[in-house]
Amino acid sequence: MLLSIAINNLFSNGGKICQILSKKVQMLARNLLCEVCANLIDFLKKIIFSEKFLSSNKNSSRNFTRNRILPFHHIIFFLMNLLKGSYQDELDYFVKAINHSESFVRKVTKSAFCKARKKLKFEAFTKLNMEAVNYFYDHFSPKKSMSLT
């Protein structure tokens, strides 16, 4: 009992120990969040690269069969990005990043991307969202509010 009063006094008075503990707790939370995010990204990558996901989310069996500059997974990743600029600028940055290139060479045009995007079913993103939500509920125990009925 006395220990809990002493700890409460440390936190309420904002002592040096309180500040150190607070920083350590924040760092642990940040590291945990980074690990959880990394695991979620790996989980979604496995889904996106799976043959089952590809075959169920393309408009035709002939789509995404050849090795192209914009394969199925690149289109998914590009569309999941938060686009801030024009499509052409974002495509240029995206292709530069995935090719680990230092120099700028336009490899994908906006119209080529639009044609490739049409081969993709919109339900792919609905499925990915549901998988992410299910992953969250499987790996966390979120607090549920009680209804007042």
Protein backbone atom coordinates (compact mmCIF):
# COMPACT_ATOMS: atom_id res chain seq x y z
CA MET A 1 0.00 0.00 0.00
CA LEU A 2 2.77 2.43 0.91
CA LEU A 3 4.65 1.53 -2.26
CA SER A 4 1.68 2.40 -4.47
CA ILE A 5 1.27 5.75 -2.66
CA ALA A 6 4.96 6.52 -3.19
CA ILE A 7 4.73 5.61 -6.90
CA ASN A 8 1.60 7.73 -7.30
CA ASN A 9 3.40 10.65 -5.66
CA LEU A 10 6.32 10.27 -8.09
CA PHE A 11 4.00 10.36 -11.08
CA SER A 12 1.79 13.13 -9.76
CA ASN A 13 4.73 15.36 -8.83
CA GLY A 14 6.39 14.80 -12.21
CA GLY A 15 9.69 13.75 -10.72
CA LYS A 16 12.79 12.69 -12.63
CA ILE A 17 11.96 8.99 -12.21
CA CYS A 18 8.50 9.65 -13.64
CA GLN A 19 10.00 11.33 -16.70
CA ILE A 20 12.44 8.45 -17.26
CA LEU A 21 9.71 5.82 -16.88
CA SER A 22 7.42 7.76 -19.18
CA LYS A 23 10.09 7.94 -21.90
CA LYS A 24 10.82 4.21 -21.56
CA VAL A 25 7.13 3.32 -21.77
CA GLN A 26 6.75 5.52 -24.86
CA MET A 27 9.78 3.86 -26.48
CA LEU A 28 8.44 0.36 -25.71
CA ALA A 29 5.03 1.28 -27.13
CA ARG A 30 6.64 2.71 -30.28
CA ASN A 31 8.75 -0.44 -30.76
CA LEU A 32 5.73 -2.67 -30.21
CA LEU A 33 3.69 -0.67 -32.70
CA CYS A 34 6.49 -0.88 -35.28
CA GLU A 35 6.70 -4.65 -34.80
CA VAL A 36 2.93 -5.04 -35.09
CA CYS A 37 2.87 -2.92 -38.25
CA ALA A 38 5.73 -4.92 -39.76
CA ASN A 39 3.91 -8.19 -39.03
CA LEU A 40 0.71 -6.83 -40.58
CA ILE A 41 2.60 -5.74 -43.69
CA ASP A 42 4.20 -9.19 -44.01
CA PHE A 43 0.79 -10.81 -43.58
CA LEU A 44 -0.74 -8.64 -46.33
CA LYS A 45 2.26 -9.21 -48.63
CA LYS A 46 1.75 -12.96 -48.39
CA ILE A 47 -1.87 -12.52 -49.41
CA ILE A 48 -1.08 -10.15 -52.29
CA PHE A 49 1.63 -12.43 -53.70
CA SER A 50 -0.50 -15.56 -53.42
CA GLU A 51 -1.72 -17.17 -56.62
CA LYS A 52 -5.20 -17.62 -55.13
CA PHE A 53 -5.57 -13.89 -54.48
CA LEU A 54 -4.30 -13.05 -57.96
CA SER A 55 -6.63 -15.46 -59.73
CA SER A 56 -9.70 -14.34 -57.80
CA ASN A 57 -9.07 -10.61 -58.32
CA LYS A 58 -8.33 -10.26 -62.01
CA ASN A 59 -11.06 -9.56 -64.54
CA SER A 60 -9.99 -12.22 -67.02
CA SER A 61 -7.95 -15.40 -66.91
CA ARG A 62 -5.71 -13.85 -69.59
CA ASN A 63 -4.78 -10.85 -67.43
CA PHE A 64 -1.46 -10.71 -65.56
CA THR A 65 -0.07 -13.86 -67.21
CA ARG A 66 3.00 -12.31 -68.81
CA ASN A 67 5.93 -10.69 -67.04
CA ARG A 68 5.37 -6.93 -67.42
CA ILE A 69 6.60 -3.70 -65.87
CA LEU A 70 3.30 -3.42 -63.96
CA PRO A 71 2.49 -6.86 -62.55
CA PHE A 72 -0.53 -7.43 -60.33
CA HIS A 73 1.25 -6.80 -57.03
CA HIS A 74 2.81 -3.52 -58.22
CA ILE A 75 -0.61 -2.17 -59.15
CA ILE A 76 -1.97 -3.14 -55.74
CA PHE A 77 0.96 -1.55 -53.91
CA PHE A 78 0.78 1.61 -56.02
CA LEU A 79 -2.94 2.02 -55.37
CA MET A 80 -2.43 1.43 -51.64
CA ASN A 81 0.03 4.31 -51.57
CA LEU A 82 -1.26 7.66 -50.47
CA LEU A 83 -1.02 9.57 -53.73
CA LYS A 84 -0.32 13.24 -53.26
CA GLY A 85 0.83 14.36 -56.70
CA SER A 86 -0.20 13.69 -60.25
CA TYR A 87 -0.44 10.09 -61.39
CA GLN A 88 2.54 10.47 -63.72
CA ASP A 89 4.79 11.94 -61.03
CA GLU A 90 3.74 9.30 -58.51
CA LEU A 91 4.28 6.52 -61.08
CA ASP A 92 7.75 7.85 -61.84
CA TYR A 93 8.66 7.90 -58.13
CA PHE A 94 7.14 4.46 -57.59
CA VAL A 95 9.01 2.82 -60.48
CA LYS A 96 12.22 4.52 -59.39
CA ALA A 97 11.74 3.17 -55.86
CA ILE A 98 10.92 -0.42 -56.81
CA ASN A 99 13.83 -0.57 -59.25
CA HIS A 100 16.21 0.99 -56.70
CA SER A 101 17.25 3.43 -59.40
CA GLU A 102 19.10 6.69 -58.87
CA SER A 103 18.43 8.12 -62.31
CA PHE A 104 15.09 9.07 -63.78
CA VAL A 105 13.82 7.05 -66.74
CA ARG A 106 10.10 7.05 -67.54
CA LYS A 107 9.11 3.40 -67.81
CA VAL A 108 5.36 3.59 -67.14
CA THR A 109 2.91 6.11 -68.53
CA LYS A 110 -0.32 7.17 -66.92
CA SER A 111 -2.33 5.57 -69.75
CA ALA A 112 -0.47 2.25 -69.38
CA PHE A 113 -1.26 2.29 -65.68
CA CYS A 114 -4.95 2.99 -66.39
CA LYS A 115 -5.11 0.02 -68.78
CA ALA A 116 -3.45 -2.24 -66.22
CA ARG A 117 -5.72 -0.98 -63.44
CA LYS A 118 -8.81 -1.95 -65.47
CA LYS A 119 -7.68 -5.58 -65.32
CA LEU A 120 -7.99 -5.54 -61.55
CA LYS A 121 -11.24 -6.13 -59.64
CA PHE A 122 -12.10 -3.51 -57.05
CA GLU A 123 -13.04 -6.29 -54.63
CA ALA A 124 -9.33 -6.94 -54.09
CA PHE A 125 -9.14 -3.94 -51.78
CA THR A 126 -12.29 -4.94 -49.92
CA LYS A 127 -10.76 -8.37 -49.29
CA LEU A 128 -7.44 -6.87 -48.18
CA ASN A 129 -9.27 -4.54 -45.80
CA MET A 130 -11.24 -7.44 -44.30
CA GLU A 131 -8.02 -9.46 -43.88
CA ALA A 132 -6.37 -6.51 -42.10
CA VAL A 133 -9.38 -6.10 -39.79
CA ASN A 134 -9.44 -9.83 -39.03
CA TYR A 135 -5.69 -9.75 -38.35
CA PHE A 136 -6.22 -6.91 -35.90
CA TYR A 137 -8.96 -8.73 -34.00
CA ASP A 138 -6.96 -11.99 -33.98
CA HIS A 139 -3.83 -10.35 -32.55
CA PHE A 140 -5.29 -7.76 -30.17
CA SER A 141 -7.99 -7.71 -27.58
CA PRO A 142 -9.59 -4.33 -28.16
CA LYS A 143 -11.77 -2.92 -25.44
CA LYS A 144 -15.41 -3.13 -26.38
CA SER A 145 -17.83 -0.54 -25.14
CA MET A 146 -20.80 -1.74 -23.20
CA SER A 147 -24.21 -0.91 -24.59
CA LEU A 148 -26.63 0.89 -22.32
CA THR A 149 -29.81 -0.93 -23.38
